[in-house]
């Protein structure tokens, strides 16, 4: 399993988080890199991106451990939903580990509001040690 698939699976499989970002049509609004074109501003969503920082090697294998920066952008139409969804992401990731994700460290967050859409956003930044 690659890193992007693993992160997407972690987010998609959390029922508490999904309940907060599922729209009336039943779509769970989790995307990698960007929202779909013409995404409604009154729907909450999560967009994640990542960057591979480096990897640790052994004589036999390359990238035994990989280091990633993960950026999760929470989007909501009001600040109350923004904080609720942001807290659900933090609750999920702050204690998460599996056979590939060995460590997740919360680094920082940034809150704001898009003046054009009046949508609120919160960017959560994590550092992750990933076993390939």
N, C-alpha and C. Protein backbone atom coordinates (compact mmCIF):
# COMPACT_ATOMS: atom_id res chain seq x y z
N UNK A 1 0.86 -1.18 0.00
CA UNK A 1 0.00 0.00 0.00
C UNK A 1 0.90 1.23 0.00
N UNK A 2 0.60 2.21 -0.87
CA UNK A 2 1.41 3.42 -0.86
C UNK A 2 0.87 4.42 0.16
N UNK A 3 1.64 5.46 0.38
CA UNK A 3 1.31 6.43 1.42
C UNK A 3 -0.05 7.09 1.19
N UNK A 4 -0.30 7.59 -0.01
CA UNK A 4 -1.56 8.29 -0.30
C UNK A 4 -2.77 7.39 -0.08
N UNK A 5 -2.67 6.16 -0.54
CA UNK A 5 -3.77 5.21 -0.36
C UNK A 5 -4.00 4.94 1.11
N UNK A 6 -2.91 4.79 1.86
CA UNK A 6 -3.02 4.52 3.30
C UNK A 6 -3.71 5.67 4.03
N UNK A 7 -3.30 6.90 3.75
CA UNK A 7 -3.92 8.06 4.40
C UNK A 7 -5.39 8.18 4.02
N UNK A 8 -5.69 8.00 2.76
CA UNK A 8 -7.08 8.07 2.31
C UNK A 8 -7.93 7.01 3.02
N UNK A 9 -7.41 5.80 3.15
CA UNK A 9 -8.12 4.72 3.83
C UNK A 9 -8.36 5.06 5.30
N UNK A 10 -7.36 5.61 5.96
CA UNK A 10 -7.50 5.99 7.37
C UNK A 10 -8.64 7.00 7.52
N UNK A 11 -8.66 8.01 6.68
CA UNK A 11 -9.70 9.04 6.77
C UNK A 11 -11.07 8.50 6.38
N UNK A 12 -11.13 7.71 5.32
CA UNK A 12 -12.41 7.17 4.83
C UNK A 12 -13.04 6.18 5.80
N UNK A 13 -12.23 5.48 6.58
CA UNK A 13 -12.74 4.42 7.46
C UNK A 13 -13.19 4.90 8.83
N UNK A 14 -13.02 6.17 9.13
CA UNK A 14 -13.43 6.68 10.43
C UNK A 14 -14.88 7.16 10.36
N UNK A 15 -15.78 6.42 10.97
CA UNK A 15 -17.21 6.72 10.85
C UNK A 15 -17.58 8.05 11.51
N UNK A 16 -16.94 8.39 12.61
CA UNK A 16 -17.25 9.66 13.29
C UNK A 16 -16.88 10.85 12.40
N UNK A 17 -15.72 10.78 11.78
CA UNK A 17 -15.29 11.84 10.88
C UNK A 17 -16.18 11.91 9.65
N UNK A 18 -16.47 10.76 9.07
CA UNK A 18 -17.29 10.72 7.86
C UNK A 18 -18.69 11.28 8.08
N UNK A 19 -19.24 11.08 9.27
CA UNK A 19 -20.57 11.62 9.56
C UNK A 19 -20.58 13.14 9.48
N UNK A 20 -19.45 13.77 9.73
CA UNK A 20 -19.36 15.23 9.71
C UNK A 20 -19.18 15.80 8.31
N UNK A 21 -18.71 14.99 7.37
CA UNK A 21 -18.41 15.51 6.03
C UNK A 21 -19.16 14.78 4.92
N UNK A 22 -20.22 14.07 5.28
CA UNK A 22 -21.07 13.41 4.29
C UNK A 22 -22.19 14.36 3.91
N UNK A 23 -22.37 14.59 2.61
CA UNK A 23 -23.42 15.51 2.17
C UNK A 23 -24.77 14.81 2.08
N UNK A 24 -25.79 15.55 1.72
CA UNK A 24 -27.15 14.99 1.69
C UNK A 24 -27.32 13.90 0.64
N UNK A 25 -26.45 13.87 -0.36
CA UNK A 25 -26.51 12.81 -1.38
C UNK A 25 -25.77 11.55 -0.93
N UNK A 26 -25.15 11.59 0.27
CA UNK A 26 -24.44 10.43 0.79
C UNK A 26 -22.97 10.36 0.39
N UNK A 27 -22.44 11.42 -0.21
CA UNK A 27 -21.02 11.45 -0.61
C UNK A 27 -20.15 11.83 0.57
N UNK A 28 -19.10 11.03 0.82
CA UNK A 28 -18.10 11.39 1.82
C UNK A 28 -17.09 12.28 1.10
N UNK A 29 -16.98 13.52 1.56
CA UNK A 29 -16.20 14.53 0.85
C UNK A 29 -14.76 14.61 1.34
N UNK A 30 -13.98 13.59 0.95
CA UNK A 30 -12.54 13.55 1.21
C UNK A 30 -11.85 13.47 -0.13
N UNK A 31 -10.92 14.40 -0.36
CA UNK A 31 -10.25 14.49 -1.66
C UNK A 31 -8.75 14.66 -1.44
N UNK A 32 -7.98 14.21 -2.42
CA UNK A 32 -6.55 14.47 -2.38
C UNK A 32 -6.24 15.59 -3.37
N UNK A 33 -5.46 16.52 -2.93
CA UNK A 33 -4.93 17.65 -3.70
C UNK A 33 -5.89 18.79 -3.98
N UNK A 34 -7.13 18.55 -4.38
CA UNK A 34 -8.00 19.66 -4.75
C UNK A 34 -9.46 19.23 -4.72
N UNK A 35 -10.33 20.20 -4.52
CA UNK A 35 -11.76 19.94 -4.60
C UNK A 35 -12.18 19.78 -6.06
N UNK A 36 -13.25 19.05 -6.32
CA UNK A 36 -13.78 19.00 -7.68
C UNK A 36 -14.23 20.40 -8.13
N UNK A 37 -14.24 20.63 -9.43
CA UNK A 37 -14.73 21.89 -9.97
C UNK A 37 -16.17 22.13 -9.51
N UNK A 38 -16.48 23.37 -9.24
CA UNK A 38 -17.84 23.80 -8.85
C UNK A 38 -18.35 23.10 -7.58
N UNK A 39 -17.44 22.78 -6.67
CA UNK A 39 -17.85 22.17 -5.40
C UNK A 39 -18.66 23.19 -4.61
N UNK A 40 -19.85 22.80 -4.11
CA UNK A 40 -20.71 23.76 -3.39
C UNK A 40 -20.03 24.33 -2.14
N UNK A 41 -20.17 25.62 -1.92
CA UNK A 41 -19.51 26.26 -0.77
C UNK A 41 -20.19 25.93 0.55
N UNK A 42 -21.40 25.42 0.51
CA UNK A 42 -22.11 25.12 1.76
C UNK A 42 -21.92 23.68 2.22
N UNK A 43 -21.02 22.94 1.59
CA UNK A 43 -20.74 21.55 1.94
C UNK A 43 -19.35 21.48 2.59
N UNK A 44 -19.25 20.76 3.70
CA UNK A 44 -17.95 20.57 4.36
C UNK A 44 -17.16 19.48 3.65
N UNK A 45 -15.82 19.63 3.70
CA UNK A 45 -14.96 18.67 3.01
C UNK A 45 -13.58 18.66 3.66
N UNK A 46 -12.82 17.62 3.29
CA UNK A 46 -11.42 17.51 3.68
C UNK A 46 -10.62 17.30 2.41
N UNK A 47 -9.52 18.04 2.30
CA UNK A 47 -8.58 17.87 1.19
C UNK A 47 -7.22 17.63 1.81
N UNK A 48 -6.55 16.55 1.36
CA UNK A 48 -5.21 16.29 1.91
C UNK A 48 -4.16 16.29 0.81
N UNK A 49 -2.99 16.78 1.17
CA UNK A 49 -1.82 16.74 0.30
C UNK A 49 -0.65 16.28 1.16
N UNK A 50 0.40 15.88 0.51
CA UNK A 50 1.56 15.42 1.26
C UNK A 50 2.82 15.66 0.45
N UNK A 51 3.94 15.57 1.16
CA UNK A 51 5.25 15.73 0.53
C UNK A 51 6.20 14.75 1.19
N UNK A 52 6.87 13.94 0.38
CA UNK A 52 7.87 13.03 0.91
C UNK A 52 9.14 13.84 1.20
N UNK A 53 9.56 13.79 2.44
CA UNK A 53 10.73 14.57 2.85
C UNK A 53 12.03 13.81 2.58
N UNK A 54 12.09 12.56 3.01
CA UNK A 54 13.27 11.71 2.77
C UNK A 54 12.96 10.29 3.21
N UNK A 55 13.95 9.41 3.08
CA UNK A 55 13.78 8.02 3.48
C UNK A 55 15.06 7.46 4.07
N UNK A 56 14.92 6.45 4.89
CA UNK A 56 16.06 5.75 5.48
C UNK A 56 16.26 4.44 4.73
N UNK A 57 17.50 4.11 4.45
CA UNK A 57 17.82 2.92 3.67
C UNK A 57 18.63 1.93 4.50
N UNK A 58 18.58 0.65 4.07
CA UNK A 58 19.50 -0.36 4.59
C UNK A 58 20.32 -0.85 3.41
N UNK A 59 21.26 -1.73 3.65
CA UNK A 59 22.06 -2.26 2.55
C UNK A 59 21.21 -3.08 1.58
N UNK A 60 20.17 -3.72 2.09
CA UNK A 60 19.34 -4.58 1.27
C UNK A 60 18.14 -3.86 0.65
N UNK A 61 17.59 -2.88 1.34
CA UNK A 61 16.34 -2.26 0.89
C UNK A 61 16.45 -0.74 0.88
N UNK A 62 15.78 -0.12 -0.07
CA UNK A 62 15.69 1.33 -0.11
C UNK A 62 14.38 1.77 0.56
N UNK A 63 14.42 2.93 1.17
CA UNK A 63 13.23 3.55 1.79
C UNK A 63 12.51 2.61 2.76
N UNK A 64 13.26 2.05 3.69
CA UNK A 64 12.66 1.22 4.73
C UNK A 64 11.72 2.08 5.58
N UNK A 65 12.15 3.26 5.93
CA UNK A 65 11.31 4.24 6.61
C UNK A 65 11.30 5.51 5.76
N UNK A 66 10.12 6.05 5.54
CA UNK A 66 9.99 7.28 4.78
C UNK A 66 9.38 8.35 5.68
N UNK A 67 9.81 9.57 5.47
CA UNK A 67 9.33 10.70 6.26
C UNK A 67 8.50 11.61 5.36
N UNK A 68 7.26 11.89 5.80
CA UNK A 68 6.34 12.70 5.01
C UNK A 68 5.84 13.87 5.83
N UNK A 69 5.52 14.95 5.13
CA UNK A 69 4.72 16.03 5.69
C UNK A 69 3.33 15.86 5.11
N UNK A 70 2.33 15.87 5.97
CA UNK A 70 0.93 15.73 5.57
C UNK A 70 0.20 17.02 5.90
N UNK A 71 -0.55 17.52 4.93
CA UNK A 71 -1.35 18.73 5.12
C UNK A 71 -2.80 18.36 4.89
N UNK A 72 -3.62 18.58 5.90
CA UNK A 72 -5.05 18.30 5.80
C UNK A 72 -5.78 19.63 5.92
N UNK A 73 -6.53 19.96 4.88
CA UNK A 73 -7.30 21.19 4.86
C UNK A 73 -8.77 20.83 5.10
N UNK A 74 -9.31 21.37 6.18
CA UNK A 74 -10.71 21.19 6.51
C UNK A 74 -11.45 22.42 5.99
N UNK A 75 -12.53 22.19 5.25
CA UNK A 75 -13.33 23.28 4.68
C UNK A 75 -14.75 23.19 5.23
N UNK A 76 -15.29 24.33 5.66
CA UNK A 76 -16.65 24.35 6.19
C UNK A 76 -17.27 25.72 5.95
N UNK A 77 -18.58 25.75 5.94
CA UNK A 77 -19.31 26.98 5.67
C UNK A 77 -19.42 27.87 6.91
N UNK A 78 -19.21 27.28 8.09
CA UNK A 78 -19.22 28.10 9.31
C UNK A 78 -18.09 27.66 10.24
N UNK A 79 -17.73 28.54 11.15
CA UNK A 79 -16.58 28.28 12.02
C UNK A 79 -16.84 27.17 13.03
N UNK A 80 -18.11 27.00 13.42
CA UNK A 80 -18.44 25.93 14.37
C UNK A 80 -18.19 24.55 13.75
N UNK A 81 -18.67 24.34 12.53
CA UNK A 81 -18.42 23.07 11.83
C UNK A 81 -16.93 22.87 11.60
N UNK A 82 -16.25 23.95 11.26
CA UNK A 82 -14.80 23.88 11.02
C UNK A 82 -14.07 23.33 12.24
N UNK A 83 -14.39 23.87 13.41
CA UNK A 83 -13.72 23.44 14.63
C UNK A 83 -14.09 22.01 15.00
N UNK A 84 -15.34 21.62 14.77
CA UNK A 84 -15.79 20.26 15.08
C UNK A 84 -15.08 19.24 14.19
N UNK A 85 -15.01 19.52 12.90
CA UNK A 85 -14.34 18.60 11.97
C UNK A 85 -12.85 18.58 12.23
N UNK A 86 -12.26 19.74 12.49
CA UNK A 86 -10.83 19.80 12.82
C UNK A 86 -10.49 18.98 14.05
N UNK A 87 -11.34 19.05 15.07
CA UNK A 87 -11.13 18.26 16.29
C UNK A 87 -11.25 16.77 16.00
N UNK A 88 -12.18 16.39 15.13
CA UNK A 88 -12.34 14.97 14.78
C UNK A 88 -11.11 14.45 14.04
N UNK A 89 -10.54 15.26 13.17
CA UNK A 89 -9.30 14.86 12.48
C UNK A 89 -8.17 14.70 13.49
N UNK A 90 -8.04 15.67 14.39
CA UNK A 90 -6.99 15.59 15.42
C UNK A 90 -7.19 14.35 16.30
N UNK A 91 -8.42 14.08 16.72
CA UNK A 91 -8.70 12.90 17.55
C UNK A 91 -8.29 11.62 16.83
N UNK A 92 -8.57 11.55 15.55
CA UNK A 92 -8.23 10.37 14.77
C UNK A 92 -6.73 10.21 14.62
N UNK A 93 -6.06 11.26 14.18
CA UNK A 93 -4.64 11.13 13.82
C UNK A 93 -3.68 11.20 15.00
N UNK A 94 -4.04 11.90 16.06
CA UNK A 94 -3.11 12.06 17.17
C UNK A 94 -2.74 10.74 17.83
N UNK A 95 -3.60 9.76 17.76
CA UNK A 95 -3.32 8.47 18.40
C UNK A 95 -3.19 7.33 17.40
N UNK A 96 -3.17 7.63 16.11
CA UNK A 96 -3.24 6.58 15.10
C UNK A 96 -1.86 5.97 14.80
N UNK A 97 -1.84 4.66 14.60
CA UNK A 97 -0.67 3.97 14.04
C UNK A 97 -1.17 2.64 13.47
N UNK A 98 -0.45 2.12 12.50
CA UNK A 98 -0.76 0.81 11.95
C UNK A 98 0.53 0.19 11.46
N UNK A 99 0.45 -0.86 10.67
CA UNK A 99 1.65 -1.56 10.24
C UNK A 99 2.52 -0.72 9.32
N UNK A 100 1.97 0.30 8.68
CA UNK A 100 2.75 1.18 7.81
C UNK A 100 3.01 2.54 8.44
N UNK A 101 2.01 3.12 9.05
CA UNK A 101 2.16 4.44 9.68
C UNK A 101 2.70 4.20 11.10
N UNK A 102 3.96 4.52 11.28
CA UNK A 102 4.61 4.23 12.56
C UNK A 102 4.49 5.36 13.57
N UNK A 103 4.42 6.59 13.08
CA UNK A 103 4.32 7.72 14.00
C UNK A 103 3.70 8.90 13.27
N UNK A 104 2.78 9.59 13.93
CA UNK A 104 2.18 10.81 13.42
C UNK A 104 2.37 11.89 14.49
N UNK A 105 2.97 12.99 14.09
CA UNK A 105 3.21 14.10 15.01
C UNK A 105 2.52 15.35 14.49
N UNK A 106 1.65 15.90 15.29
CA UNK A 106 0.99 17.16 14.94
C UNK A 106 2.02 18.27 15.00
N UNK A 107 2.07 19.11 13.97
CA UNK A 107 3.05 20.19 13.91
C UNK A 107 2.43 21.57 14.12
N UNK A 108 1.35 21.86 13.38
CA UNK A 108 0.82 23.22 13.40
C UNK A 108 -0.55 23.25 12.75
N UNK A 109 -1.26 24.36 12.93
CA UNK A 109 -2.49 24.59 12.17
C UNK A 109 -2.61 26.07 11.82
N UNK A 110 -3.43 26.32 10.83
CA UNK A 110 -3.66 27.68 10.36
C UNK A 110 -5.13 27.81 10.02
N UNK A 111 -5.80 28.81 10.57
CA UNK A 111 -7.22 29.04 10.29
C UNK A 111 -7.36 30.26 9.39
N UNK A 112 -8.43 30.25 8.59
CA UNK A 112 -8.69 31.41 7.76
C UNK A 112 -10.06 31.34 7.13
N UNK A 113 -10.36 32.34 6.32
CA UNK A 113 -11.62 32.38 5.60
C UNK A 113 -11.35 32.91 4.20
N UNK A 114 -11.88 32.22 3.21
CA UNK A 114 -11.76 32.64 1.83
C UNK A 114 -12.75 33.78 1.60
N UNK A 115 -12.28 34.98 1.28
CA UNK A 115 -13.20 36.12 1.12
C UNK A 115 -14.14 35.98 -0.07
N UNK A 116 -13.75 35.22 -1.08
CA UNK A 116 -14.61 35.05 -2.26
C UNK A 116 -15.79 34.13 -1.99
N UNK A 117 -15.53 33.01 -1.33
CA UNK A 117 -16.59 32.02 -1.09
C UNK A 117 -17.19 32.12 0.30
N UNK A 118 -16.52 32.87 1.18
CA UNK A 118 -16.90 32.97 2.59
C UNK A 118 -16.85 31.62 3.29
N UNK A 119 -16.05 30.71 2.74
CA UNK A 119 -15.85 29.39 3.34
C UNK A 119 -14.68 29.48 4.30
N UNK A 120 -14.82 28.83 5.46
CA UNK A 120 -13.75 28.77 6.44
C UNK A 120 -12.84 27.59 6.13
N UNK A 121 -11.56 27.73 6.48
CA UNK A 121 -10.63 26.62 6.30
C UNK A 121 -9.68 26.53 7.49
N UNK A 122 -9.23 25.33 7.74
CA UNK A 122 -8.22 25.05 8.76
C UNK A 122 -7.24 24.08 8.13
N UNK A 123 -5.97 24.44 8.11
CA UNK A 123 -4.92 23.57 7.59
C UNK A 123 -4.17 22.95 8.77
N UNK A 124 -4.20 21.64 8.85
CA UNK A 124 -3.49 20.90 9.90
C UNK A 124 -2.24 20.29 9.28
N UNK A 125 -1.10 20.48 9.92
CA UNK A 125 0.15 19.93 9.40
C UNK A 125 0.67 18.85 10.35
N UNK A 126 1.05 17.71 9.74
CA UNK A 126 1.60 16.58 10.49
C UNK A 126 2.91 16.12 9.87
N UNK A 127 3.76 15.55 10.70
CA UNK A 127 4.94 14.83 10.25
C UNK A 127 4.67 13.34 10.49
N UNK A 128 5.00 12.52 9.49
CA UNK A 128 4.68 11.10 9.58
C UNK A 128 5.90 10.26 9.24
N UNK A 129 6.11 9.22 10.06
CA UNK A 129 7.10 8.19 9.73
C UNK A 129 6.33 7.01 9.17
N UNK A 130 6.70 6.61 7.97
CA UNK A 130 5.94 5.60 7.22
C UNK A 130 6.87 4.45 6.85
N UNK A 131 6.44 3.24 7.14
CA UNK A 131 7.20 2.04 6.76
C UNK A 131 6.64 1.51 5.47
N UNK A 132 7.46 1.52 4.45
CA UNK A 132 7.03 1.09 3.12
C UNK A 132 6.95 -0.42 3.03
